[in-house]
Amino acid sequence: MADQDVNTSDHLTKNNPPITTSTNNKELKEYIKDVSQQVLKRNYELYKALENK
C-alpha cells in the first residue's frame, strides 16, 4: 500500500493541469446533454424500426 501512496503523492505534486469534467465545465456539460439526447432519439427510432419489422 505504501507504493500506492507514493504514486498518489507523485501525481498530486506534479504540475498537471486539472481534469476537465462536466462539473467544472458548463460547455462540456451542455455538449454531453445534447449528444445524449441525440443518442436516445436515435436508439428510440432504431427500436421502433425493429419493432415494426
PDB file of N, CA and C in Angstrom:
ATOM      1  N   MET A   1       0.821  -1.191   0.000  1.00  0.00           N
ATOM      2  CA  MET A   1       0.000   0.000   0.000  1.00  0.00           C
ATOM      3  C   MET A   1       0.867   1.258   0.000  1.00  0.00           C
ATOM      4  N   ALA A   2       2.076   1.141   0.494  1.00  0.00           N
ATOM      5  CA  ALA A   2       2.980   2.286   0.505  1.00  0.00           C
ATOM      6  C   ALA A   2       3.297   2.742  -0.912  1.00  0.00           C
ATOM      7  N   ASP A   3       3.414   1.784  -1.859  1.00  0.00           N
ATOM      8  CA  ASP A   3       3.675   2.149  -3.252  1.00  0.00           C
ATOM      9  C   ASP A   3       2.538   2.989  -3.818  1.00  0.00           C
ATOM     10  N   GLN A   4       1.323   2.642  -3.488  1.00  0.00           N
ATOM     11  CA  GLN A   4       0.176   3.396  -3.977  1.00  0.00           C
ATOM     12  C   GLN A   4       0.201   4.825  -3.436  1.00  0.00           C
ATOM     13  N   ASP A   5       0.546   4.992  -2.178  1.00  0.00           N
ATOM     14  CA  ASP A   5       0.621   6.317  -1.592  1.00  0.00           C
ATOM     15  C   ASP A   5       1.682   7.166  -2.288  1.00  0.00           C
ATOM     16  N   VAL A   6       2.820   6.560  -2.648  1.00  0.00           N
ATOM     17  CA  VAL A   6       3.885   7.281  -3.335  1.00  0.00           C
ATOM     18  C   VAL A   6       3.400   7.730  -4.707  1.00  0.00           C
ATOM     19  N   ASN A   7       2.717   6.841  -5.424  1.00  0.00           N
ATOM     20  CA  ASN A   7       2.204   7.196  -6.747  1.00  0.00           C
ATOM     21  C   ASN A   7       1.186   8.323  -6.649  1.00  0.00           C
ATOM     22  N   THR A   8       0.345   8.284  -5.656  1.00  0.00           N
ATOM     23  CA  THR A   8      -0.666   9.320  -5.481  1.00  0.00           C
ATOM     24  C   THR A   8      -0.006  10.655  -5.194  1.00  0.00           C
ATOM     25  N   SER A   9       0.951  10.674  -4.291  1.00  0.00           N
ATOM     26  CA  SER A   9       1.597  11.944  -3.958  1.00  0.00           C
ATOM     27  C   SER A   9       2.425  12.454  -5.127  1.00  0.00           C
ATOM     28  N   ASP A  10       3.040  11.556  -5.909  1.00  0.00           N
ATOM     29  CA  ASP A  10       3.779  11.990  -7.095  1.00  0.00           C
ATOM     30  C   ASP A  10       2.836  12.661  -8.082  1.00  0.00           C
ATOM     31  N   HIS A  11       1.673  12.067  -8.273  1.00  0.00           N
ATOM     32  CA  HIS A  11       0.696  12.627  -9.203  1.00  0.00           C
ATOM     33  C   HIS A  11       0.218  14.001  -8.719  1.00  0.00           C
ATOM     34  N   LEU A  12      -0.003  14.127  -7.444  1.00  0.00           N
ATOM     35  CA  LEU A  12      -0.523  15.376  -6.903  1.00  0.00           C
ATOM     36  C   LEU A  12       0.513  16.491  -6.891  1.00  0.00           C
ATOM     37  N   THR A  13       1.783  16.141  -6.797  1.00  0.00           N
ATOM     38  CA  THR A  13       2.806  17.173  -6.711  1.00  0.00           C
ATOM     39  C   THR A  13       3.315  17.623  -8.068  1.00  0.00           C
ATOM     40  N   LYS A  14       3.034  16.864  -9.122  1.00  0.00           N
ATOM     41  CA  LYS A  14       3.464  17.276 -10.460  1.00  0.00           C
ATOM     42  C   LYS A  14       2.575  18.418 -10.933  1.00  0.00           C
ATOM     43  N   ASN A  15       3.065  19.157 -11.881  1.00  0.00           N
ATOM     44  CA  ASN A  15       2.312  20.298 -12.409  1.00  0.00           C
ATOM     45  C   ASN A  15       1.373  19.850 -13.525  1.00  0.00           C
ATOM     46  N   ASN A  16       0.436  18.979 -13.199  1.00  0.00           N
ATOM     47  CA  ASN A  16      -0.542  18.504 -14.167  1.00  0.00           C
ATOM     48  C   ASN A  16      -1.720  19.462 -14.205  1.00  0.00           C
ATOM     49  N   PRO A  17      -2.274  19.669 -15.398  1.00  0.00           N
ATOM     50  CA  PRO A  17      -3.465  20.527 -15.467  1.00  0.00           C
ATOM     51  C   PRO A  17      -4.641  19.829 -14.794  1.00  0.00           C
ATOM     52  N   PRO A  18      -5.606  20.592 -14.307  1.00  0.00           N
ATOM     53  CA  PRO A  18      -6.764  19.962 -13.659  1.00  0.00           C
ATOM     54  C   PRO A  18      -7.564  19.148 -14.678  1.00  0.00           C
ATOM     55  N   ILE A  19      -8.231  18.139 -14.209  1.00  0.00           N
ATOM     56  CA  ILE A  19      -9.036  17.290 -15.072  1.00  0.00           C
ATOM     57  C   ILE A  19     -10.336  18.023 -15.397  1.00  0.00           C
ATOM     58  N   THR A  20     -10.678  18.073 -16.678  1.00  0.00           N
ATOM     59  CA  THR A  20     -11.904  18.731 -17.106  1.00  0.00           C
ATOM     60  C   THR A  20     -13.056  17.743 -17.026  1.00  0.00           C
ATOM     61  N   THR A  21     -14.097  18.123 -16.325  1.00  0.00           N
ATOM     62  CA  THR A  21     -15.291  17.292 -16.198  1.00  0.00           C
ATOM     63  C   THR A  21     -16.513  18.151 -16.477  1.00  0.00           C
ATOM     64  N   SER A  22     -17.658  17.510 -16.571  1.00  0.00           N
ATOM     65  CA  SER A  22     -18.890  18.274 -16.791  1.00  0.00           C
ATOM     66  C   SER A  22     -19.260  19.096 -15.566  1.00  0.00           C
ATOM     67  N   THR A  23     -18.709  18.747 -14.425  1.00  0.00           N
ATOM     68  CA  THR A  23     -18.970  19.505 -13.211  1.00  0.00           C
ATOM     69  C   THR A  23     -18.290  20.871 -13.238  1.00  0.00           C
ATOM     70  N   ASN A  24     -17.097  20.915 -13.785  1.00  0.00           N
ATOM     71  CA  ASN A  24     -16.367  22.182 -13.782  1.00  0.00           C
ATOM     72  C   ASN A  24     -16.306  22.859 -15.159  1.00  0.00           C
ATOM     73  N   ASN A  25     -17.046  22.331 -16.139  1.00  0.00           N
ATOM     74  CA  ASN A  25     -17.067  22.937 -17.464  1.00  0.00           C
ATOM     75  C   ASN A  25     -18.501  22.907 -17.995  1.00  0.00           C
ATOM     76  N   LYS A  26     -19.164  24.063 -17.963  1.00  0.00           N
ATOM     77  CA  LYS A  26     -20.577  24.139 -18.361  1.00  0.00           C
ATOM     78  C   LYS A  26     -20.779  23.813 -19.831  1.00  0.00           C
ATOM     79  N   GLU A  27     -19.833  24.209 -20.685  1.00  0.00           N
ATOM     80  CA  GLU A  27     -19.947  23.903 -22.113  1.00  0.00           C
ATOM     81  C   GLU A  27     -19.903  22.397 -22.344  1.00  0.00           C
ATOM     82  N   LEU A  28     -19.021  21.720 -21.648  1.00  0.00           N
ATOM     83  CA  LEU A  28     -18.927  20.269 -21.768  1.00  0.00           C
ATOM     84  C   LEU A  28     -20.203  19.610 -21.272  1.00  0.00           C
ATOM     85  N   LYS A  29     -20.751  20.122 -20.196  1.00  0.00           N
ATOM     86  CA  LYS A  29     -21.997  19.579 -19.645  1.00  0.00           C
ATOM     87  C   LYS A  29     -23.123  19.677 -20.667  1.00  0.00           C
ATOM     88  N   GLU A  30     -23.255  20.835 -21.305  1.00  0.00           N
ATOM     89  CA  GLU A  30     -24.293  21.023 -22.319  1.00  0.00           C
ATOM     90  C   GLU A  30     -24.050  20.132 -23.536  1.00  0.00           C
ATOM     91  N   TYR A  31     -22.792  19.995 -23.927  1.00  0.00           N
ATOM     92  CA  TYR A  31     -22.452  19.136 -25.060  1.00  0.00           C
ATOM     93  C   TYR A  31     -22.824  17.681 -24.770  1.00  0.00           C
ATOM     94  N   ILE A  32     -22.518  17.219 -23.585  1.00  0.00           N
ATOM     95  CA  ILE A  32     -22.841  15.845 -23.199  1.00  0.00           C
ATOM     96  C   ILE A  32     -24.352  15.644 -23.188  1.00  0.00           C
ATOM     97  N   LYS A  33     -25.096  16.620 -22.664  1.00  0.00           N
ATOM     98  CA  LYS A  33     -26.560  16.533 -22.660  1.00  0.00           C
ATOM     99  C   LYS A  33     -27.100  16.444 -24.084  1.00  0.00           C
ATOM    100  N   ASP A  34     -26.574  17.286 -24.968  1.00  0.00           N
ATOM    101  CA  ASP A  34     -27.027  17.312 -26.354  1.00  0.00           C
ATOM    102  C   ASP A  34     -26.759  15.983 -27.047  1.00  0.00           C
ATOM    103  N   VAL A  35     -25.553  15.485 -26.907  1.00  0.00           N
ATOM    104  CA  VAL A  35     -25.197  14.214 -27.538  1.00  0.00           C
ATOM    105  C   VAL A  35     -26.021  13.078 -26.945  1.00  0.00           C
ATOM    106  N   SER A  36     -26.254  13.096 -25.656  1.00  0.00           N
ATOM    107  CA  SER A  36     -27.068  12.063 -25.011  1.00  0.00           C
ATOM    108  C   SER A  36     -28.486  12.062 -25.567  1.00  0.00           C
ATOM    109  N   GLN A  37     -29.055  13.239 -25.759  1.00  0.00           N
ATOM    110  CA  GLN A  37     -30.401  13.334 -26.321  1.00  0.00           C
ATOM    111  C   GLN A  37     -30.434  12.797 -27.752  1.00  0.00           C
ATOM    112  N   GLN A  38     -29.402  13.086 -28.519  1.00  0.00           N
ATOM    113  CA  GLN A  38     -29.320  12.570 -29.888  1.00  0.00           C
ATOM    114  C   GLN A  38     -29.251  11.047 -29.893  1.00  0.00           C
ATOM    115  N   VAL A  39     -28.449  10.497 -28.998  1.00  0.00           N
ATOM    116  CA  VAL A  39     -28.306   9.039 -28.915  1.00  0.00           C
ATOM    117  C   VAL A  39     -29.620   8.400 -28.486  1.00  0.00           C
ATOM    118  N   LEU A  40     -30.281   8.984 -27.489  1.00  0.00           N
ATOM    119  CA  LEU A  40     -31.569   8.450 -27.043  1.00  0.00           C
ATOM    120  C   LEU A  40     -32.596   8.474 -28.172  1.00  0.00           C
ATOM    121  N   LYS A  41     -32.647   9.568 -28.908  1.00  0.00           N
ATOM    122  CA  LYS A  41     -33.596   9.680 -30.016  1.00  0.00           C
ATOM    123  C   LYS A  41     -33.282   8.639 -31.088  1.00  0.00           C
ATOM    124  N   ARG A  42     -32.019   8.507 -31.433  1.00  0.00           N
ATOM    125  CA  ARG A  42     -31.609   7.535 -32.464  1.00  0.00           C
ATOM    126  C   ARG A  42     -31.917   6.111 -32.008  1.00  0.00           C
ATOM    127  N   ASN A  43     -31.631   5.792 -30.767  1.00  0.00           N
ATOM    128  CA  ASN A  43     -31.916   4.452 -30.254  1.00  0.00           C
ATOM    129  C   ASN A  43     -33.413   4.174 -30.262  1.00  0.00           C
ATOM    130  N   TYR A  44     -34.214   5.172 -29.926  1.00  0.00           N
ATOM    131  CA  TYR A  44     -35.661   5.010 -29.936  1.00  0.00           C
ATOM    132  C   TYR A  44     -36.149   4.735 -31.356  1.00  0.00           C
ATOM    133  N   GLU A  45     -35.620   5.488 -32.320  1.00  0.00           N
ATOM    134  CA  GLU A  45     -36.002   5.283 -33.718  1.00  0.00           C
ATOM    135  C   GLU A  45     -35.609   3.894 -34.203  1.00  0.00           C
ATOM    136  N   LEU A  46     -34.421   3.442 -33.835  1.00  0.00           N
ATOM    137  CA  LEU A  46     -33.983   2.094 -34.213  1.00  0.00           C
ATOM    138  C   LEU A  46     -34.864   1.031 -33.571  1.00  0.00           C
ATOM    139  N   TYR A  47     -35.207   1.219 -32.308  1.00  0.00           N
ATOM    140  CA  TYR A  47     -36.072   0.280 -31.599  1.00  0.00           C
ATOM    141  C   TYR A  47     -37.434   0.197 -32.282  1.00  0.00           C
ATOM    142  N   LYS A  48     -38.002   1.346 -32.619  1.00  0.00           N
ATOM    143  CA  LYS A  48     -39.303   1.369 -33.287  1.00  0.00           C
ATOM    144  C   LYS A  48     -39.221   0.696 -34.655  1.00  0.00           C
ATOM    145  N   ALA A  49     -38.152   0.938 -35.387  1.00  0.00           N
ATOM    146  CA  ALA A  49     -37.986   0.312 -36.704  1.00  0.00           C
ATOM    147  C   ALA A  49     -37.900  -1.203 -36.575  1.00  0.00           C
ATOM    148  N   LEU A  50     -37.183  -1.687 -35.577  1.00  0.00           N
ATOM    149  CA  LEU A  50     -37.089  -3.134 -35.367  1.00  0.00           C
ATOM    150  C   LEU A  50     -38.427  -3.716 -34.915  1.00  0.00           C
ATOM    151  N   GLU A  51     -39.132  -2.968 -34.097  1.00  0.00           N
ATOM    152  CA  GLU A  51     -40.419  -3.422 -33.589  1.00  0.00           C
ATOM    153  C   GLU A  51     -41.430  -3.577 -34.732  1.00  0.00           C
ATOM    154  N   ASN A  52     -41.339  -2.717 -35.741  1.00  0.00           N
ATOM    155  CA  ASN A  52     -42.282  -2.739 -36.846  1.00  0.00           C
ATOM    156  C   ASN A  52     -41.907  -3.703 -37.966  1.00  0.00           C
ATOM    157  N   LYS A  53     -40.794  -4.397 -37.838  1.00  0.00           N
ATOM    158  CA  LYS A  53     -40.389  -5.355 -38.871  1.00  0.00           C
ATOM    159  C   LYS A  53     -41.245  -6.583 -38.832  1.00  0.00           C
TER     160      LYS A  53
END
